[in-house]
N, C-alpha and C. Protein backbone atom coordinates (compact mmCIF):
# COMPACT_ATOMS: atom_id res chain seq x y z
N MET A 1 95.25 49.72 85.51
CA MET A 1 95.43 50.97 86.25
C MET A 1 96.78 50.93 86.94
N THR A 2 97.44 52.06 86.92
CA THR A 2 98.70 52.22 87.61
C THR A 2 98.51 53.20 88.75
N LYS A 3 98.93 52.81 89.95
CA LYS A 3 98.90 53.71 91.10
C LYS A 3 100.32 53.86 91.60
N LYS A 4 100.73 55.10 91.82
CA LYS A 4 102.10 55.32 92.26
C LYS A 4 102.20 56.65 92.98
N VAL A 5 103.35 56.86 93.58
CA VAL A 5 103.69 58.15 94.14
C VAL A 5 104.64 58.80 93.14
N GLU A 6 104.24 59.95 92.65
CA GLU A 6 105.04 60.67 91.66
C GLU A 6 105.94 61.66 92.39
N ILE A 7 107.23 61.59 92.12
CA ILE A 7 108.21 62.56 92.65
C ILE A 7 108.84 63.19 91.43
N GLU A 8 108.69 64.51 91.29
CA GLU A 8 109.20 65.15 90.07
C GLU A 8 109.58 66.60 90.31
N ILE A 9 110.37 67.08 89.37
CA ILE A 9 110.70 68.50 89.26
C ILE A 9 110.70 68.84 87.77
N LYS A 10 110.61 70.14 87.49
CA LYS A 10 110.80 70.63 86.13
C LYS A 10 112.04 71.51 86.13
N LEU A 11 112.66 71.61 84.98
CA LEU A 11 113.80 72.50 84.77
C LEU A 11 113.59 73.25 83.46
N ARG A 12 113.72 74.56 83.50
CA ARG A 12 113.59 75.36 82.28
C ARG A 12 114.84 75.14 81.43
N VAL A 13 114.65 74.86 80.16
CA VAL A 13 115.75 74.56 79.24
C VAL A 13 116.07 75.79 78.41
N LYS A 14 117.32 76.19 78.43
CA LYS A 14 117.75 77.34 77.63
C LYS A 14 118.12 76.92 76.21
N ASP A 15 118.74 75.73 76.08
CA ASP A 15 119.20 75.26 74.77
C ASP A 15 118.71 73.83 74.55
N PRO A 16 117.50 73.67 73.95
CA PRO A 16 116.94 72.33 73.76
C PRO A 16 117.84 71.38 72.96
N ALA A 17 118.52 71.88 71.94
CA ALA A 17 119.39 71.02 71.12
C ALA A 17 120.54 70.47 71.97
N GLU A 18 121.09 71.30 72.84
CA GLU A 18 122.19 70.85 73.70
C GLU A 18 121.72 69.76 74.66
N ILE A 19 120.55 69.95 75.27
CA ILE A 19 120.02 68.96 76.21
C ILE A 19 119.73 67.64 75.48
N SER A 20 119.12 67.72 74.31
CA SER A 20 118.78 66.51 73.55
C SER A 20 120.03 65.74 73.14
N ALA A 21 121.12 66.43 72.88
CA ALA A 21 122.38 65.76 72.53
C ALA A 21 123.06 65.20 73.79
N LEU A 22 122.93 65.89 74.91
CA LEU A 22 123.61 65.50 76.14
C LEU A 22 122.99 64.27 76.80
N LEU A 23 121.67 64.15 76.77
CA LEU A 23 121.00 63.04 77.47
C LEU A 23 121.53 61.66 77.05
N PRO A 24 121.62 61.33 75.75
CA PRO A 24 122.16 60.02 75.39
C PRO A 24 123.63 59.85 75.81
N ARG A 25 124.41 60.92 75.76
CA ARG A 25 125.82 60.82 76.19
C ARG A 25 125.93 60.52 77.68
N LEU A 26 124.92 60.91 78.45
CA LEU A 26 124.92 60.64 79.89
C LEU A 26 124.37 59.25 80.21
N GLY A 27 123.91 58.54 79.20
CA GLY A 27 123.41 57.19 79.41
C GLY A 27 121.90 57.08 79.42
N ALA A 28 121.20 58.16 79.12
CA ALA A 28 119.74 58.11 79.05
C ALA A 28 119.35 57.43 77.73
N ARG A 29 118.41 56.49 77.83
CA ARG A 29 117.96 55.72 76.67
C ARG A 29 116.62 56.28 76.18
N LEU A 30 116.51 56.50 74.87
CA LEU A 30 115.27 56.99 74.29
C LEU A 30 114.18 55.95 74.50
N LEU A 31 113.10 56.33 75.17
CA LEU A 31 111.99 55.43 75.45
C LEU A 31 110.84 55.66 74.47
N HIS A 32 110.48 56.94 74.26
CA HIS A 32 109.43 57.30 73.31
C HIS A 32 109.91 58.52 72.52
N PRO A 33 109.97 58.41 71.19
CA PRO A 33 110.37 59.56 70.38
C PRO A 33 109.38 60.71 70.52
N ARG A 34 109.77 61.83 70.05
CA ARG A 34 108.95 63.06 70.12
C ARG A 34 107.54 62.79 69.60
N GLU A 35 106.55 63.14 70.44
CA GLU A 35 105.16 62.99 70.02
C GLU A 35 104.34 64.16 70.57
N PHE A 36 103.28 64.46 69.85
CA PHE A 36 102.37 65.54 70.23
C PHE A 36 101.41 65.04 71.29
N GLU A 37 101.17 65.86 72.31
CA GLU A 37 100.19 65.56 73.34
C GLU A 37 99.18 66.70 73.43
N ASP A 38 97.92 66.33 73.55
CA ASP A 38 96.85 67.30 73.79
C ASP A 38 96.22 66.91 75.12
N ASN A 39 96.32 67.79 76.10
CA ASN A 39 95.88 67.50 77.47
C ASN A 39 94.72 68.41 77.86
N GLN A 40 93.74 67.84 78.56
CA GLN A 40 92.63 68.63 79.10
C GLN A 40 92.43 68.27 80.55
N LEU A 41 92.35 69.31 81.39
CA LEU A 41 92.00 69.11 82.79
C LEU A 41 90.50 69.24 82.91
N PHE A 42 89.89 68.34 83.66
CA PHE A 42 88.44 68.37 83.89
C PHE A 42 88.19 68.65 85.36
N ASP A 43 87.08 69.35 85.63
CA ASP A 43 86.72 69.66 87.00
C ASP A 43 85.22 69.82 87.11
N PHE A 44 84.75 69.81 88.35
CA PHE A 44 83.34 70.03 88.64
C PHE A 44 83.06 71.53 88.66
N PRO A 45 81.78 71.95 88.59
CA PRO A 45 81.46 73.37 88.75
C PRO A 45 82.05 73.88 90.07
N GLY A 46 82.53 75.09 90.04
CA GLY A 46 83.17 75.66 91.22
C GLY A 46 84.62 75.23 91.36
N ARG A 47 85.11 74.46 90.40
CA ARG A 47 86.51 74.00 90.38
C ARG A 47 86.93 73.35 91.70
N LEU A 48 86.12 72.41 92.12
CA LEU A 48 86.35 71.73 93.40
C LEU A 48 87.70 71.00 93.43
N LEU A 49 88.06 70.33 92.35
CA LEU A 49 89.34 69.63 92.32
C LEU A 49 90.51 70.62 92.38
N GLN A 50 90.45 71.65 91.55
CA GLN A 50 91.53 72.63 91.50
C GLN A 50 91.72 73.29 92.87
N LYS A 51 90.62 73.65 93.51
CA LYS A 51 90.71 74.31 94.84
C LYS A 51 91.34 73.39 95.87
N ALA A 52 91.16 72.08 95.72
CA ALA A 52 91.75 71.11 96.64
C ALA A 52 93.16 70.69 96.20
N GLY A 53 93.65 71.28 95.10
CA GLY A 53 94.99 70.94 94.61
C GLY A 53 95.04 69.62 93.86
N LYS A 54 93.87 69.08 93.52
CA LYS A 54 93.80 67.80 92.82
C LYS A 54 93.63 68.04 91.32
N MET A 55 93.81 66.96 90.54
CA MET A 55 93.75 67.12 89.10
C MET A 55 93.20 65.86 88.44
N LEU A 56 92.34 66.05 87.45
CA LEU A 56 91.87 64.97 86.59
C LEU A 56 92.19 65.38 85.16
N ARG A 57 93.03 64.58 84.49
CA ARG A 57 93.52 64.95 83.16
C ARG A 57 93.22 63.86 82.15
N VAL A 58 92.81 64.29 80.96
CA VAL A 58 92.70 63.40 79.81
C VAL A 58 93.81 63.80 78.85
N ARG A 59 94.70 62.84 78.56
CA ARG A 59 95.84 63.10 77.66
C ARG A 59 95.67 62.24 76.41
N VAL A 60 95.68 62.88 75.26
CA VAL A 60 95.60 62.18 73.98
C VAL A 60 96.94 62.35 73.28
N CYS A 61 97.55 61.22 72.91
CA CYS A 61 98.81 61.24 72.18
C CYS A 61 98.82 60.06 71.21
N ASP A 62 99.89 59.93 70.44
CA ASP A 62 99.97 58.87 69.44
C ASP A 62 99.80 57.49 70.04
N ARG A 63 100.27 57.30 71.27
CA ARG A 63 100.22 55.98 71.90
C ARG A 63 98.86 55.68 72.52
N GLY A 64 97.93 56.63 72.51
CA GLY A 64 96.60 56.37 73.05
C GLY A 64 96.12 57.49 73.95
N THR A 65 95.07 57.20 74.70
CA THR A 65 94.47 58.18 75.61
C THR A 65 94.68 57.70 77.05
N LEU A 66 95.12 58.61 77.90
CA LEU A 66 95.36 58.31 79.31
C LEU A 66 94.45 59.17 80.17
N LEU A 67 93.85 58.56 81.17
CA LEU A 67 93.11 59.29 82.20
C LEU A 67 93.98 59.25 83.45
N THR A 68 94.30 60.42 83.98
CA THR A 68 95.18 60.53 85.14
C THR A 68 94.49 61.33 86.23
N TYR A 69 94.52 60.79 87.44
CA TYR A 69 94.04 61.50 88.62
C TYR A 69 95.23 61.70 89.55
N LYS A 70 95.40 62.94 90.01
CA LYS A 70 96.49 63.25 90.93
C LYS A 70 95.92 63.91 92.18
N GLU A 71 96.38 63.44 93.33
CA GLU A 71 96.03 64.05 94.61
C GLU A 71 96.77 65.38 94.75
N GLY A 72 96.46 66.11 95.79
CA GLY A 72 97.14 67.37 96.04
C GLY A 72 98.64 67.18 96.19
N ALA A 73 99.40 68.13 95.70
CA ALA A 73 100.86 68.05 95.75
C ALA A 73 101.37 68.51 97.11
N ARG A 74 102.48 67.91 97.49
CA ARG A 74 103.20 68.35 98.66
C ARG A 74 104.67 68.46 98.25
N VAL A 75 105.42 69.25 98.96
CA VAL A 75 106.85 69.38 98.68
C VAL A 75 107.60 68.58 99.73
N ALA A 76 108.47 67.70 99.26
CA ALA A 76 109.30 66.90 100.15
C ALA A 76 110.72 66.90 99.61
N ASP A 77 111.65 67.35 100.40
CA ASP A 77 113.07 67.35 100.03
C ASP A 77 113.30 68.10 98.72
N GLY A 78 112.54 69.18 98.51
CA GLY A 78 112.75 70.02 97.34
C GLY A 78 112.12 69.52 96.05
N ALA A 79 111.27 68.49 96.12
CA ALA A 79 110.59 67.97 94.92
C ALA A 79 109.09 67.96 95.16
N LYS A 80 108.34 67.97 94.06
CA LYS A 80 106.88 67.86 94.15
C LYS A 80 106.52 66.39 94.23
N VAL A 81 105.67 66.04 95.21
CA VAL A 81 105.28 64.65 95.44
C VAL A 81 103.76 64.58 95.41
N ARG A 82 103.23 63.64 94.63
CA ARG A 82 101.78 63.46 94.52
C ARG A 82 101.45 61.98 94.36
N ASP A 83 100.34 61.58 94.95
CA ASP A 83 99.79 60.26 94.66
C ASP A 83 99.07 60.36 93.33
N GLU A 84 99.25 59.35 92.50
CA GLU A 84 98.73 59.39 91.13
C GLU A 84 98.16 58.04 90.74
N MET A 85 97.05 58.08 90.01
CA MET A 85 96.48 56.87 89.40
C MET A 85 96.27 57.17 87.93
N GLU A 86 96.58 56.18 87.10
CA GLU A 86 96.49 56.40 85.66
C GLU A 86 95.98 55.13 84.99
N VAL A 87 95.16 55.32 83.96
CA VAL A 87 94.62 54.19 83.20
C VAL A 87 94.60 54.58 81.72
N THR A 88 94.89 53.60 80.87
CA THR A 88 94.80 53.79 79.42
C THR A 88 93.36 53.52 79.00
N VAL A 89 92.86 54.37 78.11
CA VAL A 89 91.47 54.27 77.66
C VAL A 89 91.48 54.14 76.14
N ASP A 90 90.64 53.26 75.61
CA ASP A 90 90.60 53.05 74.16
C ASP A 90 89.91 54.18 73.41
N GLN A 91 88.86 54.75 73.99
CA GLN A 91 88.06 55.74 73.28
C GLN A 91 88.02 57.05 74.06
N GLY A 92 88.93 57.95 73.70
CA GLY A 92 89.02 59.22 74.38
C GLY A 92 87.75 60.05 74.29
N SER A 93 87.08 60.03 73.15
CA SER A 93 85.86 60.83 72.99
C SER A 93 84.75 60.31 73.89
N THR A 94 84.69 58.99 74.07
CA THR A 94 83.69 58.42 74.97
C THR A 94 84.01 58.80 76.41
N LEU A 95 85.26 58.77 76.76
CA LEU A 95 85.68 59.16 78.11
C LEU A 95 85.27 60.60 78.41
N THR A 96 85.56 61.53 77.50
CA THR A 96 85.20 62.93 77.76
C THR A 96 83.68 63.10 77.81
N ALA A 97 82.93 62.32 77.04
CA ALA A 97 81.46 62.37 77.11
C ALA A 97 80.97 61.90 78.47
N ILE A 98 81.59 60.85 79.01
CA ILE A 98 81.21 60.36 80.33
C ILE A 98 81.49 61.42 81.40
N LEU A 99 82.66 62.02 81.34
CA LEU A 99 83.02 63.05 82.33
C LEU A 99 82.04 64.22 82.25
N THR A 100 81.67 64.62 81.06
CA THR A 100 80.72 65.72 80.88
C THR A 100 79.36 65.35 81.46
N ARG A 101 78.91 64.13 81.23
CA ARG A 101 77.61 63.70 81.77
C ARG A 101 77.63 63.58 83.29
N LEU A 102 78.81 63.42 83.86
CA LEU A 102 78.94 63.40 85.32
C LEU A 102 78.96 64.81 85.92
N GLY A 103 78.87 65.81 85.05
CA GLY A 103 78.84 67.19 85.53
C GLY A 103 80.18 67.90 85.49
N MET A 104 81.16 67.28 84.89
CA MET A 104 82.49 67.90 84.79
C MET A 104 82.60 68.65 83.46
N ALA A 105 83.57 69.55 83.41
CA ALA A 105 83.83 70.30 82.19
C ALA A 105 85.33 70.55 82.07
N PRO A 106 85.82 70.70 80.83
CA PRO A 106 87.24 71.06 80.68
C PRO A 106 87.49 72.44 81.27
N THR A 107 88.57 72.55 82.04
CA THR A 107 88.91 73.85 82.65
C THR A 107 90.22 74.41 82.15
N PHE A 108 91.07 73.56 81.59
CA PHE A 108 92.35 74.02 81.06
C PHE A 108 92.84 73.00 80.06
N ARG A 109 93.24 73.48 78.91
CA ARG A 109 93.79 72.62 77.85
C ARG A 109 95.20 73.09 77.57
N TYR A 110 96.11 72.13 77.47
CA TYR A 110 97.49 72.49 77.14
C TYR A 110 98.10 71.46 76.22
N GLN A 111 98.98 71.95 75.36
CA GLN A 111 99.61 71.10 74.36
C GLN A 111 101.12 71.13 74.55
N LYS A 112 101.74 70.04 74.12
CA LYS A 112 103.19 69.99 74.14
C LYS A 112 103.67 68.87 73.23
N TYR A 113 104.93 68.95 72.87
CA TYR A 113 105.62 67.85 72.21
C TYR A 113 106.53 67.26 73.26
N ARG A 114 106.46 65.94 73.45
CA ARG A 114 107.22 65.29 74.52
C ARG A 114 108.10 64.19 73.94
N THR A 115 109.36 64.20 74.36
CA THR A 115 110.31 63.13 74.08
C THR A 115 110.68 62.53 75.44
N THR A 116 110.60 61.20 75.55
CA THR A 116 110.82 60.54 76.84
C THR A 116 112.05 59.66 76.81
N TYR A 117 112.89 59.82 77.83
CA TYR A 117 114.10 59.02 78.03
C TYR A 117 113.99 58.28 79.36
N GLN A 118 114.76 57.21 79.46
CA GLN A 118 114.87 56.44 80.70
C GLN A 118 116.33 56.48 81.14
N TYR A 119 116.54 56.78 82.41
CA TYR A 119 117.88 56.78 82.99
C TYR A 119 117.78 56.01 84.31
N GLY A 120 118.07 54.73 84.28
CA GLY A 120 117.86 53.90 85.47
C GLY A 120 116.38 53.91 85.83
N ASP A 121 116.08 54.28 87.07
CA ASP A 121 114.68 54.37 87.52
C ASP A 121 114.08 55.75 87.28
N LEU A 122 114.78 56.59 86.56
CA LEU A 122 114.35 57.97 86.33
C LEU A 122 113.76 58.13 84.94
N LEU A 123 112.58 58.77 84.85
CA LEU A 123 112.04 59.19 83.57
C LEU A 123 112.48 60.63 83.34
N VAL A 124 113.01 60.89 82.17
CA VAL A 124 113.45 62.23 81.79
C VAL A 124 112.67 62.60 80.55
N THR A 125 111.86 63.65 80.64
CA THR A 125 111.11 64.06 79.46
C THR A 125 111.53 65.46 79.05
N VAL A 126 111.59 65.66 77.76
CA VAL A 126 111.83 66.98 77.17
C VAL A 126 110.49 67.43 76.63
N ASP A 127 109.94 68.47 77.24
CA ASP A 127 108.62 68.98 76.88
C ASP A 127 108.75 70.32 76.18
N GLU A 128 108.39 70.35 74.91
CA GLU A 128 108.36 71.59 74.14
C GLU A 128 106.94 72.14 74.25
N THR A 129 106.79 73.29 74.90
CA THR A 129 105.48 73.88 75.14
C THR A 129 105.39 75.26 74.49
N PRO A 130 104.20 75.82 74.40
CA PRO A 130 104.08 77.18 73.87
C PRO A 130 104.79 78.23 74.72
N ILE A 131 105.17 77.90 75.97
CA ILE A 131 105.86 78.87 76.84
C ILE A 131 107.33 78.49 77.05
N GLY A 132 107.85 77.62 76.21
CA GLY A 132 109.26 77.25 76.31
C GLY A 132 109.44 75.76 76.50
N THR A 133 110.70 75.36 76.56
CA THR A 133 111.05 73.94 76.71
C THR A 133 111.43 73.67 78.16
N TYR A 134 110.92 72.55 78.68
CA TYR A 134 111.18 72.14 80.05
C TYR A 134 111.61 70.69 80.07
N LEU A 135 112.45 70.37 81.03
CA LEU A 135 112.75 68.98 81.36
C LEU A 135 111.89 68.62 82.55
N GLU A 136 111.36 67.42 82.56
CA GLU A 136 110.74 66.87 83.76
C GLU A 136 111.56 65.66 84.16
N LEU A 137 111.98 65.65 85.40
CA LEU A 137 112.71 64.52 85.97
C LEU A 137 111.79 63.88 86.99
N GLU A 138 111.44 62.61 86.77
CA GLU A 138 110.49 61.91 87.64
C GLU A 138 111.07 60.58 88.08
N GLY A 139 111.15 60.40 89.39
CA GLY A 139 111.68 59.16 89.94
C GLY A 139 112.23 59.39 91.32
N PRO A 140 113.13 58.53 91.77
CA PRO A 140 113.71 58.70 93.11
C PRO A 140 114.47 60.01 93.23
N LYS A 141 114.27 60.70 94.34
CA LYS A 141 114.87 62.04 94.51
C LYS A 141 116.39 62.05 94.35
N PRO A 142 117.13 61.05 94.87
CA PRO A 142 118.59 61.08 94.63
C PRO A 142 118.94 61.04 93.14
N MET A 143 118.16 60.31 92.35
CA MET A 143 118.43 60.26 90.91
C MET A 143 118.06 61.57 90.23
N ILE A 144 117.00 62.22 90.72
CA ILE A 144 116.63 63.54 90.19
C ILE A 144 117.80 64.50 90.41
N ASP A 145 118.32 64.53 91.63
CA ASP A 145 119.44 65.43 91.94
C ASP A 145 120.68 65.10 91.11
N GLU A 146 120.95 63.80 90.96
CA GLU A 146 122.12 63.37 90.18
C GLU A 146 122.02 63.82 88.73
N MET A 147 120.85 63.57 88.10
CA MET A 147 120.69 63.94 86.70
C MET A 147 120.70 65.46 86.53
N ALA A 148 120.03 66.16 87.41
CA ALA A 148 120.01 67.63 87.32
C ALA A 148 121.44 68.17 87.36
N LYS A 149 122.25 67.64 88.27
CA LYS A 149 123.64 68.10 88.40
C LYS A 149 124.43 67.78 87.13
N LYS A 150 124.24 66.57 86.58
CA LYS A 150 124.95 66.18 85.35
C LYS A 150 124.56 67.09 84.18
N LEU A 151 123.32 67.61 84.23
CA LEU A 151 122.85 68.50 83.16
C LEU A 151 123.20 69.96 83.41
N GLY A 152 123.85 70.24 84.55
CA GLY A 152 124.29 71.60 84.84
C GLY A 152 123.31 72.43 85.65
N TYR A 153 122.38 71.78 86.33
CA TYR A 153 121.38 72.48 87.14
C TYR A 153 121.64 72.21 88.62
N SER A 154 121.10 73.09 89.45
CA SER A 154 121.14 72.90 90.91
C SER A 154 119.72 72.93 91.45
N ALA A 155 119.58 72.64 92.74
CA ALA A 155 118.26 72.65 93.37
C ALA A 155 117.59 74.01 93.25
N ALA A 156 118.35 75.07 93.15
CA ALA A 156 117.79 76.41 93.00
C ALA A 156 117.05 76.57 91.67
N ASP A 157 117.34 75.70 90.70
CA ASP A 157 116.69 75.76 89.39
C ASP A 157 115.40 74.95 89.32
N TYR A 158 115.10 74.17 90.35
CA TYR A 158 113.94 73.28 90.32
C TYR A 158 112.65 74.09 90.27
N VAL A 159 111.78 73.69 89.36
CA VAL A 159 110.45 74.29 89.21
C VAL A 159 109.45 73.24 89.69
N LEU A 160 108.58 73.62 90.63
CA LEU A 160 107.64 72.65 91.20
C LEU A 160 106.21 72.88 90.72
N GLY A 161 105.97 73.94 89.98
CA GLY A 161 104.63 74.25 89.51
C GLY A 161 104.21 73.38 88.34
N SER A 162 102.90 73.32 88.11
CA SER A 162 102.34 72.61 86.97
C SER A 162 102.44 73.50 85.74
N TYR A 163 102.15 72.92 84.57
CA TYR A 163 102.14 73.75 83.37
C TYR A 163 101.03 74.80 83.45
N ARG A 164 99.92 74.50 84.09
CA ARG A 164 98.87 75.51 84.28
C ARG A 164 99.41 76.65 85.13
N ASP A 165 100.12 76.32 86.23
CA ASP A 165 100.71 77.35 87.09
C ASP A 165 101.69 78.23 86.31
N LEU A 166 102.55 77.60 85.53
CA LEU A 166 103.55 78.34 84.77
C LEU A 166 102.90 79.23 83.73
N PHE A 167 101.89 78.70 83.05
CA PHE A 167 101.19 79.48 82.03
C PHE A 167 100.42 80.64 82.67
N ALA A 168 99.75 80.38 83.80
CA ALA A 168 99.01 81.44 84.48
C ALA A 168 99.96 82.56 84.91
N ALA A 169 101.13 82.20 85.43
CA ALA A 169 102.11 83.21 85.85
C ALA A 169 102.57 84.04 84.65
N GLU A 170 102.75 83.39 83.52
CA GLU A 170 103.16 84.11 82.31
C GLU A 170 102.06 85.02 81.79
N GLN A 171 100.80 84.64 82.04
CA GLN A 171 99.66 85.44 81.57
C GLN A 171 99.26 86.53 82.54
N GLY A 172 99.95 86.63 83.67
CA GLY A 172 99.68 87.75 84.57
C GLY A 172 99.25 87.39 85.97
N GLY A 173 99.23 86.12 86.31
CA GLY A 173 98.96 85.80 87.70
C GLY A 173 98.14 84.55 87.90
N GLN A 174 98.28 83.97 89.09
CA GLN A 174 97.63 82.73 89.45
C GLN A 174 96.14 82.89 89.71
N ASP A 175 95.68 84.07 90.05
CA ASP A 175 94.30 84.26 90.50
C ASP A 175 93.29 84.40 89.38
N ARG A 176 93.75 84.44 88.15
CA ARG A 176 92.80 84.57 87.06
C ARG A 176 92.89 83.38 86.14
N ASP A 177 91.86 83.18 85.33
CA ASP A 177 91.84 82.08 84.38
C ASP A 177 92.79 82.43 83.24
N PRO A 178 93.83 81.63 83.03
CA PRO A 178 94.82 82.00 82.01
C PRO A 178 94.39 81.67 80.58
N GLY A 179 93.26 81.00 80.39
CA GLY A 179 92.92 80.50 79.06
C GLY A 179 93.67 79.21 78.82
N ASP A 180 93.72 78.77 77.58
CA ASP A 180 94.38 77.51 77.24
C ASP A 180 95.78 77.75 76.69
N MET A 181 96.68 76.82 76.94
CA MET A 181 98.08 76.92 76.50
C MET A 181 98.23 76.05 75.24
N LEU A 182 98.00 76.69 74.09
CA LEU A 182 97.98 75.96 72.82
C LEU A 182 99.00 76.54 71.86
N PHE A 183 99.50 75.69 70.97
CA PHE A 183 100.36 76.18 69.91
C PHE A 183 99.52 76.95 68.92
N ARG A 184 100.04 78.02 68.40
CA ARG A 184 99.33 78.79 67.38
C ARG A 184 99.33 78.01 66.08
N ALA A 185 98.23 78.10 65.36
CA ALA A 185 98.09 77.36 64.09
C ALA A 185 99.05 77.87 63.05
């Protein structure tokens, strides 16, 4: 199990090819090549976790299945900060069966293609989603600001919402269930 404090921002990408070419030139090292991720958020009836700003996610990708729990987010120095615990699980289907038997159900499913880079202590991911391409910069806030500036962004460009938040906003608002954010077949 990994426990950490996550400090991150998202940046909307206008030209994915330009960003993918620029990252290695800036010294970012490819950590994980592009891979498909299928993510499901689980919650109790009444969406108790969501109402408290917390999250329980099951992520299935080529490298395995991850169970992630995140505490409520807070904003500090212009970045989203959350306490996070994560564990790798061998059998994703068994994990989802256990969560279901505990009274939880999937509340939001989202897909993306993710390419992960390392820049010092900073993780830089390029996320291709059904609602566009985003960069996620995760690590020490000074490094987030440094990389964002090198990529041509400013603090005014920082996006602090989750993919569920972004998808809900695109579907017409935060107060309704946006459905799932999936690639069309």
